[in-house]
């Protein structure tokens, strides 16, 4: 196995954000989407990434140029389906969505080719992150069953599989027992896994997932300490408190930190520290999935991991 991480990102997004700088509009055009943001943070932490995706339409043409980087190898299936895009206005400080264009569904042949290139890359690497796409419940880029098939094929071939999913996608992946599951507290509630956002309910949800054979379950809780369950242990993971600029992308950066740590041969505690630090640093920045690797590692030394006692739960 290498320290390279493969990221399955079915349909990256083209993002346009309008900021206000010295009284004038400042337009930023970037690649985006969960998988790309995770890839960017993984490379910042020292692991190269192979990003497996589909690119199509005008948005896909632009994305191919925007995703290029020295440590990100893009393995893309050229498709007729358009990638999604959005335009956000942040001139008043908060994000205001102006335009949201959903991605198109992949055809059967496009999906088969994307699946094939992902399996080959992930088996070569040994560590894979499975991310979702910004589609709707009625217009899926790929069928949810892909996550079960992909998880099963990779696990049986000795690949660590890290999933950052929710809803039907997570339920599908869990059928094949991924190595790591990361889920947000609100997703736990929306999925019916937890009755509330209180620690006992979220801990019960994490333990239920772990009983299915998952090595590490991580439940992020916004500004509250993260919950982690692994090897019979239940802990809280507390990152240094930092003033947030944009809370979007914190969970994706946490997943990236965990994946990078495992690819580099770290143990679970080290992976949790790196993940928590990456998430904490990301929310202090305007760019999603950004932050310096050295800064993340400095913060990681200040992350606290504490066992959850009976009185806590």
Protein backbone atom coordinates (compact mmCIF):
# COMPACT_ATOMS: atom_id res chain seq x y z
CA UNK A 1 0.00 0.00 0.00
CA UNK A 2 1.12 3.58 -0.68
CA UNK A 3 0.35 6.87 1.02
CA UNK A 4 -1.81 7.82 -1.97
CA UNK A 5 -5.55 8.24 -1.39
CA UNK A 6 -8.17 7.62 -4.05
CA UNK A 7 -11.27 9.82 -3.85
CA UNK A 8 -14.46 8.71 -5.61
CA UNK A 9 -16.24 11.94 -6.53
CA UNK A 10 -18.91 11.08 -9.11
CA UNK A 11 -19.63 14.65 -10.22
CA UNK A 12 -17.53 17.60 -8.96
CA UNK A 13 -19.17 21.05 -8.95
CA UNK A 14 -18.20 24.29 -10.60
CA UNK A 15 -18.48 27.02 -7.95
CA UNK A 16 -18.75 30.78 -8.42
CA UNK A 17 -18.67 32.94 -5.30
CA UNK A 18 -19.01 36.74 -5.22
CA UNK A 19 -17.18 38.47 -2.36
CA UNK A 20 -16.87 42.14 -1.47
CA UNK A 21 -13.33 43.58 -1.42
CA UNK A 22 -12.79 47.27 -0.66
CA UNK A 23 -16.28 48.14 -1.85
CA UNK A 24 -16.10 46.25 -5.15
CA UNK A 25 -17.34 42.79 -6.18
CA UNK A 26 -14.65 40.10 -6.26
CA UNK A 27 -15.61 36.97 -8.22
CA UNK A 28 -14.01 33.60 -7.40
CA UNK A 29 -14.34 30.60 -9.72
CA UNK A 30 -13.23 27.24 -8.29
CA UNK A 31 -13.69 23.53 -8.48
CA UNK A 32 -15.86 22.26 -5.67
CA UNK A 33 -17.97 19.47 -4.33
CA UNK A 34 -17.36 17.16 -1.40
CA UNK A 35 -14.81 14.93 -3.10
CA UNK A 36 -12.70 17.77 -4.46
CA UNK A 37 -12.66 19.60 -1.11
CA UNK A 38 -11.56 16.39 0.58
CA UNK A 39 -8.86 15.88 -2.06
CA UNK A 40 -7.46 19.35 -1.54
CA UNK A 41 -7.10 18.84 2.21
CA UNK A 42 -5.60 15.37 1.80
CA UNK A 43 -2.85 16.78 -0.41
CA UNK A 44 -2.22 19.59 2.07
CA UNK A 45 -1.54 16.88 4.65
CA UNK A 46 1.10 15.24 2.50
CA UNK A 47 -0.70 12.43 0.66
CA UNK A 48 -1.14 12.57 -3.12
CA UNK A 49 -4.66 11.99 -4.43
CA UNK A 50 -6.17 10.23 -7.40
CA UNK A 51 -9.56 11.85 -7.98
CA UNK A 52 -11.95 9.60 -9.90
CA UNK A 53 -14.85 11.47 -11.42
CA UNK A 54 -17.05 12.16 -14.44
CA UNK A 55 -16.71 15.40 -16.37
CA UNK A 56 -19.14 16.70 -18.97
CA UNK A 57 -20.71 19.81 -20.46
CA UNK A 58 -19.28 23.32 -20.25
CA UNK A 59 -19.00 23.05 -16.48
CA UNK A 60 -17.00 19.84 -16.84
CA UNK A 61 -14.63 21.43 -19.35
CA UNK A 62 -13.86 24.26 -16.93
CA UNK A 63 -13.54 21.87 -13.99
CA UNK A 64 -10.87 19.82 -15.71
CA UNK A 65 -8.60 22.90 -15.74
CA UNK A 66 -9.52 24.04 -12.23
CA UNK A 67 -8.88 20.64 -10.60
CA UNK A 68 -5.39 20.25 -12.05
CA UNK A 69 -2.62 20.33 -9.47
CA UNK A 70 0.80 18.84 -8.74
CA UNK A 71 -0.54 16.39 -6.14
CA UNK A 72 -4.00 15.64 -7.58
CA UNK A 73 -4.17 13.19 -10.46
CA UNK A 74 -7.58 13.48 -12.11
CA UNK A 75 -8.81 10.26 -13.69
CA UNK A 76 -11.98 11.35 -15.42
CA UNK A 77 -14.51 9.66 -17.65
CA UNK A 78 -15.62 12.12 -20.32
CA UNK A 79 -19.43 12.05 -20.30
CA UNK A 80 -22.40 13.70 -21.94
CA UNK A 81 -23.92 14.47 -18.53
CA UNK A 82 -23.23 18.01 -17.29
CA UNK A 83 -21.49 18.62 -13.98
CA UNK A 84 -23.43 20.73 -11.51
CA UNK A 85 -22.64 24.34 -10.67
CA UNK A 86 -23.65 27.07 -8.26
CA UNK A 87 -23.35 30.82 -7.83
CA UNK A 88 -23.22 32.16 -4.26
CA UNK A 89 -23.25 35.79 -3.13
CA UNK A 90 -21.19 36.51 0.01
CA UNK A 91 -20.95 40.27 -0.28
CA UNK A 92 -22.96 40.70 2.92
CA UNK A 93 -20.93 38.09 4.83
CA UNK A 94 -23.29 35.07 4.72
CA UNK A 95 -23.69 32.82 1.71
CA UNK A 96 -26.77 33.54 -0.38
CA UNK A 97 -27.39 30.97 -3.13
CA UNK A 98 -28.28 32.74 -6.39
CA UNK A 99 -28.17 29.83 -8.85
CA UNK A 100 -27.98 26.07 -8.25
CA UNK A 101 -27.64 23.76 -11.26
CA UNK A 102 -27.92 20.06 -10.41
CA UNK A 103 -25.65 17.57 -12.20
CA UNK A 104 -27.05 15.19 -14.79
CA UNK A 105 -27.38 11.45 -14.35
CA UNK A 106 -24.67 9.24 -15.84
CA UNK A 107 -25.58 6.71 -18.49
CA UNK A 108 -25.00 3.00 -17.88
CA UNK A 109 -21.83 2.91 -19.99
CA UNK A 110 -20.47 6.10 -18.40
CA UNK A 111 -21.07 4.65 -14.95
CA UNK A 112 -19.44 1.33 -15.84
CA UNK A 113 -16.29 3.11 -17.01
CA UNK A 114 -16.15 5.39 -13.96
CA UNK A 115 -16.61 2.38 -11.68
CA UNK A 116 -13.83 0.47 -13.42
CA UNK A 117 -11.27 3.24 -13.23
CA UNK A 118 -12.11 3.82 -9.55
CA UNK A 119 -11.70 0.15 -8.59
CA UNK A 120 -8.34 -0.11 -10.34
CA UNK A 121 -6.99 3.11 -8.81
CA UNK A 122 -8.20 2.26 -5.29
CA UNK A 123 -6.76 -1.26 -5.30
CA UNK A 124 -3.43 0.17 -6.45
CA UNK A 125 -3.53 2.74 -3.64
CA UNK A 126 -4.98 0.83 -0.69
CA UNK A 127 -7.00 3.74 0.74
CA UNK A 128 -10.20 5.15 -0.75
CA UNK A 129 -12.69 7.84 0.24
CA UNK A 130 -16.21 7.50 -1.11
CA UNK A 131 -18.00 10.84 -1.36
CA UNK A 132 -21.41 11.84 -2.62
CA UNK A 133 -22.53 14.35 -5.21
CA UNK A 134 -24.71 17.44 -5.13
CA UNK A 135 -27.72 15.85 -6.76
CA UNK A 136 -31.32 15.58 -5.65
CA UNK A 137 -33.30 12.61 -4.43
CA UNK A 138 -35.04 12.33 -7.80
CA UNK A 139 -32.05 12.88 -10.09
CA UNK A 140 -29.17 10.76 -8.84
CA UNK A 141 -25.84 11.04 -10.65
CA UNK A 142 -25.16 7.38 -9.81
CA UNK A 143 -27.52 4.81 -8.26
CA UNK A 144 -27.14 4.41 -4.51
CA UNK A 145 -26.40 0.72 -5.05
CA UNK A 146 -23.01 1.75 -6.47
CA UNK A 147 -21.81 2.49 -2.94
CA UNK A 148 -22.49 -1.07 -1.75
CA UNK A 149 -20.83 -2.59 -4.82
CA UNK A 150 -17.81 -0.31 -4.66
CA UNK A 151 -17.31 -0.79 -0.92
CA UNK A 152 -17.59 -4.57 -1.26
CA UNK A 153 -15.19 -4.80 -4.19
CA UNK A 154 -12.58 -2.63 -2.51
CA UNK A 155 -12.79 -4.20 0.96
CA UNK A 156 -12.46 -7.74 -0.38
CA UNK A 157 -9.33 -6.61 -2.22
CA UNK A 158 -7.65 -5.24 0.90
CA UNK A 159 -8.48 -1.56 0.47
CA UNK A 160 -9.38 0.69 3.41
CA UNK A 161 -12.69 2.34 2.61
CA UNK A 162 -13.61 5.63 4.27
CA UNK A 163 -17.19 6.76 3.63
CA UNK A 164 -18.50 10.26 4.26
CA UNK A 165 -22.11 9.69 3.31
CA UNK A 166 -25.65 9.89 4.66
CA UNK A 167 -29.13 8.72 3.81
CA UNK A 168 -29.59 5.97 1.25
CA UNK A 169 -25.94 6.19 0.15
CA UNK A 170 -24.69 5.43 3.66
CA UNK A 171 -27.23 2.64 4.11
CA UNK A 172 -25.99 1.12 0.86
CA UNK A 173 -22.30 1.32 1.80
CA UNK A 174 -22.96 -0.15 5.25
CA UNK A 175 -24.22 -3.36 3.67
CA UNK A 176 -20.62 -4.02 2.59
CA UNK A 177 -18.93 -2.91 5.86
CA UNK A 178 -16.57 -0.02 5.11
CA UNK A 179 -13.53 0.57 7.32
CA UNK A 180 -14.46 4.07 8.51
CA UNK A 181 -17.81 5.88 8.62
CA UNK A 182 -18.00 9.62 9.18
CA UNK A 183 -21.42 11.20 9.60
CA UNK A 184 -22.68 14.54 10.96
CA UNK A 185 -25.04 14.74 13.93
CA UNK A 186 -27.86 16.28 11.90
CA UNK A 187 -27.52 13.53 9.30
CA UNK A 188 -27.87 10.96 12.08
CA UNK A 189 -31.18 12.55 13.03
CA UNK A 190 -32.42 12.96 9.46
CA UNK A 191 -31.62 9.30 8.77
CA UNK A 192 -33.55 8.20 11.84
CA UNK A 193 -30.44 6.78 13.51
CA UNK A 194 -30.63 9.15 16.48
CA UNK A 195 -33.71 10.57 18.17
CA UNK A 196 -31.97 13.81 19.12
CA UNK A 197 -28.66 15.66 18.94
CA UNK A 198 -27.92 14.80 22.58
CA UNK A 199 -24.74 12.86 23.25
CA UNK A 200 -26.43 9.64 24.49
CA UNK A 201 -28.58 9.35 21.37
CA UNK A 202 -25.70 10.07 18.98
CA UNK A 203 -23.44 7.66 20.86
CA UNK A 204 -26.06 4.94 20.57
CA UNK A 205 -26.27 5.59 16.82
CA UNK A 206 -22.49 5.37 16.45
CA UNK A 207 -22.35 2.11 18.41
CA UNK A 208 -25.12 0.66 16.28
CA UNK A 209 -23.12 1.39 13.13
CA UNK A 210 -19.96 -0.04 14.70
CA UNK A 211 -21.73 -3.28 15.58
CA UNK A 212 -22.02 -3.96 11.87
CA UNK A 213 -18.23 -4.42 11.71
CA UNK A 214 -17.06 -0.87 10.97
CA UNK A 215 -13.64 -0.27 12.55
CA UNK A 216 -14.14 3.45 13.27
CA UNK A 217 -17.34 5.50 13.46
CA UNK A 218 -17.02 9.28 13.73
CA UNK A 219 -19.98 11.59 14.44
CA UNK A 220 -19.16 15.27 14.02
CA UNK A 221 -21.26 17.71 16.08
CA UNK A 222 -20.56 21.20 14.67
CA UNK A 223 -19.03 23.23 17.52
CA UNK A 224 -19.42 20.40 20.07
CA UNK A 225 -16.81 17.66 20.55
CA UNK A 226 -16.85 14.89 17.97
CA UNK A 227 -17.91 11.39 19.04
CA UNK A 228 -15.82 8.39 17.97
CA UNK A 229 -16.40 4.67 18.53
CA UNK A 230 -13.71 2.09 17.76
CA UNK A 231 -12.38 -1.16 19.22
CA UNK A 232 -14.82 -1.11 22.10
CA UNK A 233 -13.87 2.49 22.97
CA UNK A 234 -16.19 5.50 22.99
CA UNK A 235 -14.52 8.91 23.14
CA UNK A 236 -15.05 12.57 22.53
CA UNK A 237 -12.56 14.43 20.34
CA UNK A 238 -12.19 18.14 21.11
CA UNK A 239 -10.30 20.44 18.77
CA UNK A 240 -8.92 23.85 19.79
CA UNK A 241 -11.62 26.54 19.70
CA UNK A 242 -11.20 28.88 16.71
CA UNK A 243 -13.39 31.70 15.45
CA UNK A 244 -15.30 30.43 12.39
CA UNK A 245 -15.49 32.28 9.08
CA UNK A 246 -17.40 29.62 7.12
CA UNK A 247 -18.53 26.38 8.76
CA UNK A 248 -19.15 24.63 5.44
CA UNK A 249 -16.52 22.05 4.61
CA UNK A 250 -15.40 21.37 8.18
CA UNK A 251 -16.73 17.82 8.10
CA UNK A 252 -15.16 17.13 4.70
CA UNK A 253 -11.80 18.31 6.01
CA UNK A 254 -12.19 16.05 9.04
CA UNK A 255 -12.74 13.07 6.76
CA UNK A 256 -9.72 14.10 4.69
CA UNK A 257 -7.52 14.25 7.78
CA UNK A 258 -8.58 10.78 8.88
CA UNK A 259 -8.01 9.29 5.43
CA UNK A 260 -4.59 10.93 5.03
CA UNK A 261 -3.50 9.70 8.44
CA UNK A 262 -4.45 6.10 7.69
CA UNK A 263 -2.77 6.25 4.27
CA UNK A 264 0.40 7.38 6.04
CA UNK A 265 0.26 4.46 8.48
CA UNK A 266 -1.01 6.31 11.56
CA UNK A 267 -3.07 4.74 14.34
CA UNK A 268 -6.69 5.63 15.11
CA UNK A 269 -5.94 8.20 17.81
CA UNK A 270 -3.54 10.03 15.50
CA UNK A 271 -6.12 9.91 12.69
CA UNK A 272 -8.78 11.39 14.98
CA UNK A 273 -6.44 14.19 16.07
CA UNK A 274 -5.49 15.05 12.50
CA UNK A 275 -9.12 14.92 11.36
CA UNK A 276 -10.35 17.15 14.17
CA UNK A 277 -7.55 19.66 13.59
CA UNK A 278 -8.19 19.77 9.83
CA UNK A 279 -11.88 20.42 10.39
CA UNK A 280 -11.17 23.13 12.97
CA UNK A 281 -8.70 24.95 10.74
CA UNK A 282 -10.92 24.80 7.67
CA UNK A 283 -13.77 26.76 9.26
CA UNK A 284 -11.42 29.70 9.88
CA UNK A 285 -10.93 30.10 6.11
CA UNK A 286 -13.09 31.24 3.21
CA UNK A 287 -11.99 28.38 0.96
CA UNK A 288 -13.46 24.93 1.57
CA UNK A 289 -11.02 22.08 2.01
CA UNK A 290 -8.15 24.51 2.51
CA UNK A 291 -5.53 25.01 5.18
CA UNK A 292 -1.81 24.44 5.58
CA UNK A 293 -0.67 20.96 6.49
CA UNK A 294 1.86 22.22 9.02
CA UNK A 295 -0.80 24.35 10.74
CA UNK A 296 -3.11 21.33 10.94
CA UNK A 297 -0.38 19.24 12.59
CA UNK A 298 0.32 21.98 15.13
CA UNK A 299 -3.36 22.06 16.04
CA UNK A 300 -3.48 18.25 16.14
CA UNK A 301 -1.09 18.27 19.11
CA UNK A 302 -3.73 20.28 21.01
CA UNK A 303 -6.68 18.00 20.27
CA UNK A 304 -8.07 16.23 23.35
CA UNK A 305 -9.38 12.67 23.23
CA UNK A 306 -11.36 11.70 26.32
CA UNK A 307 -13.30 8.53 27.15
CA UNK A 308 -17.06 8.83 27.46
CA UNK A 309 -18.12 7.57 30.89
CA UNK A 310 -21.46 6.15 31.92
CA UNK A 311 -22.48 9.46 33.49
CA UNK A 312 -21.83 11.19 30.13
CA UNK A 313 -23.96 8.78 28.15
